[in-house]
Amino acid sequence: MAKPAQGAKYRGSIHDFPDFDPGQDAEALYNAMKGFGSDKEAILELITSRSNRQRQEICQSYKSLYGKDLIADLKYELTGKFERLIVNLMRPLAYCDAKEIKDALAGIGTDEKCLIEILASRTNEQMHQLVAAYKDAYERDLEADIIGDTSGHFQKMLVVLLQGTREEDDVVSEDLVQQDAQDLYEAGELKWGTDEAQFIYILGNRSKQHLRLVFDEYLKTTGKPIEASIRGELSGDFEKLMLAVVKCIRSTPEYFAERLFKAMKGLGTRDNSLIRIMVSRSELDMLDIREIFRTKYEKSLYSMIKNDTSGEYKKALLKLCGGDDDAAGQFFPEAAQVAYQMWELSAVARVELNGTVRPANDFNPDADAKALRKAMKGIGTDEDTIIDIITHRSNAQRQQIRQTFKSHFGRDLMADLKSELSGDLARLILGLMLPPDHYDAKQLKKAMEGAGTDEKALIEILATRTNAEIRAINEAYKEDYHKSLEDALSSDTSGHFKRILVSLATGNREEGGEDRDRAREDAQVAAEILEIADTSSSGDKTSLETRFMMILCTRSYPHLRRVFQEFIKMTNYDVEHVIKKEMSGDVKDAFVAIVQSVKNKPLFFADKLYKSMKGAGTDEKTLTRIMVSRSEIDLLNIRREFIEKYDKSLHHVIEGDTSGDFMKALLALCGGED
């Protein structure tokens, strides 16, 4: 069993088996494989209950007793994923890693994801053991094989990592931290082209403790996390490798929690990744991975494995997992710290928001108006020209085109577009032609008219707009529909939900910074209303509910970030998880939207876009509304969050889920493939 560092707690899920007898275990395995068929239950129960060190002793005893190779017998008796998992468990970790890398390099093509996962995450000692095991098992030099199968900066970084010479001194020089942060900034953001060698040297050699401080300093200096710069400056497998290195430096268990989630989400399971991680981390940090998994994904690793796999393979994986965790929401101490740090990162990041649609250079409203008139004149319509012009002009430029069109032709451009286009494309193009405040006002009106109310649309708009945007929407609503937005909301909704929407619709959210003392008081109110406080104030529930609503609807974003951090410290819970657990219906959805928007607004919209296109059927209304309303604000940020969370680009998903001219227009707004 791998021993933890002196003074550190053991965080693996597999322990040495008490009263271990390798000869007895060897005999039990021999009997399980003797005769016709094999007792797979007995094999998995025994092997997953022994530490790796004990399994090596069983292999020796098996050979001594029966003159046979245990791994060869297991390969013969078992099949498929279950066989791969059991055989991997029987190898020492270094030899298991060596086999994975050999397979990744073998044949046509290279499994870069496997190379990245192993070489970005292993310690110096593990790297030295891997190189020696590869040499011993295959009589080949690992570095030479990697050089022969990879190229460019990707190859150089792999070779640097393979040396296993990362500094391990915890003593950090503040001057060197500042120098490295500045060097990374100058090598990327400030340079025409990128100095990849500087990234390789610093990220490949400095100690983890040092680099964590460098990342903090980089964030303070540039206003963006190092990951954003890597995505902007690097590309391909080299970019993926450097992002994996950064993730492992921040938190190796969090990196593996994310890898496990991606291995099981969606259609199909990436069994090679699942097996590799469950085997390699079972005696290192599986408990930490489990905690972080539940924190990030609101479900236990155990439950996801249980739902995504089957048979003996599932049983063996669940044994390696080591147990199911309590219901999502409450943190282990370590996971609470991770959640706290997530809010801290959210609080200090000065993320630069960027849309995908920008004002066109050499803009000529006269030429555009004539081209649009020509595209709609006569029999048939030239949709390509309409899409090309409308999606490549800013909203301000579109308003100029409208005015010029009326001056030249005495016609209403909006009316002409409406008569020439239809369906989803018409809704998208007409939405782009409206000023943003009038577009939002129209979406709110549509959400409230007719039978039934589209509460999700009301929440999405009112929970995410700035004060200035809300005030502009109020004016537009009054101008277009001769009724105040507040009156419309009041007549179409009721109860707490109505009060939340009306409060948001006033556009009176505070715009200052945080107040730590008030943040603690606000966190206490949240704890009491969500019924997880250790103490209760004398206030009645109705007044607490009013205060809680007021806190979420009127406090500034920086202040709310601090409130949610204090909530974690006070309760060991995440406020979003508790709202989901304790509340229901539209009130729950509204509060969750506010919390998610405070935490990471582009990610909130990325989630909405993904849900609008996943599964059978597409929610074209939500898809159109977000693509139109965010195209000049933060759609580029949304794209980055989308690919980070779902491992596929927004462009790719739109391409697979829509068609025709509607797809062309959406892809033009998307602004590129990531």
Foldseek 3Di string as FASTA:
>chain_A
DDDDPVPDDFAFQADAAPPDDLLVLLVQQCVQLPDPAGVLVSLLVVLLNHQQVSLQSNQVNNCVVPVDGSLVSLCVRDDDLSNVLSSLSSDPLLLSLLVQQCVQLDDPHGPLVSLLLVLLADALVSLVSNQVNNCVPPVDGPLVSLPVRDDDLLNVLSNLSSNNQADADLDEDPVVLLVLLVQCCCQFVVDDAGPSVSLSVPLSHYHLNSVVSSQVNNCLVPLAGVLVRLVVRDDDSSSVSSVSNNVSSVPVLLSLLQQLCLQQPDPHGVSVSLSSSLSNCNRHRLNVNQQQNCQVPQAGSLVSLVVRDDDSSSVSSNSSSNDGDDGRWFGDVVNLVVVLVLLVCLLRRNDDFFFQADADPPDDLLVLLVQCCVQLDDPAGNLVSLLVVLLRHAQVSLQVNQVNNCVVPVDGSLVSLCVRDDDLVNVLSSLSNDDLLLSLLVQCVVQQDDPHGVLLSLLLVLLADALVSLVSNQVNNCVPPVDGPLVSLPVRDDDPLNVLSSLSSNSQADADAADLVVLLVLLQLLCVLLVQAPDDDPDDNVVSSVSNSCCLRHYHLNHVSSSQSSNCVRGSTGSLSSLVVRDDDSVSVNSNSNVVSSSPVLLSLLVQCCVQQDDPHGVSVSNSVCLSNCNGTHLVVNQVSNCVNNVAGSLVSLVVRDDDSSSVSSNSSSNDGD
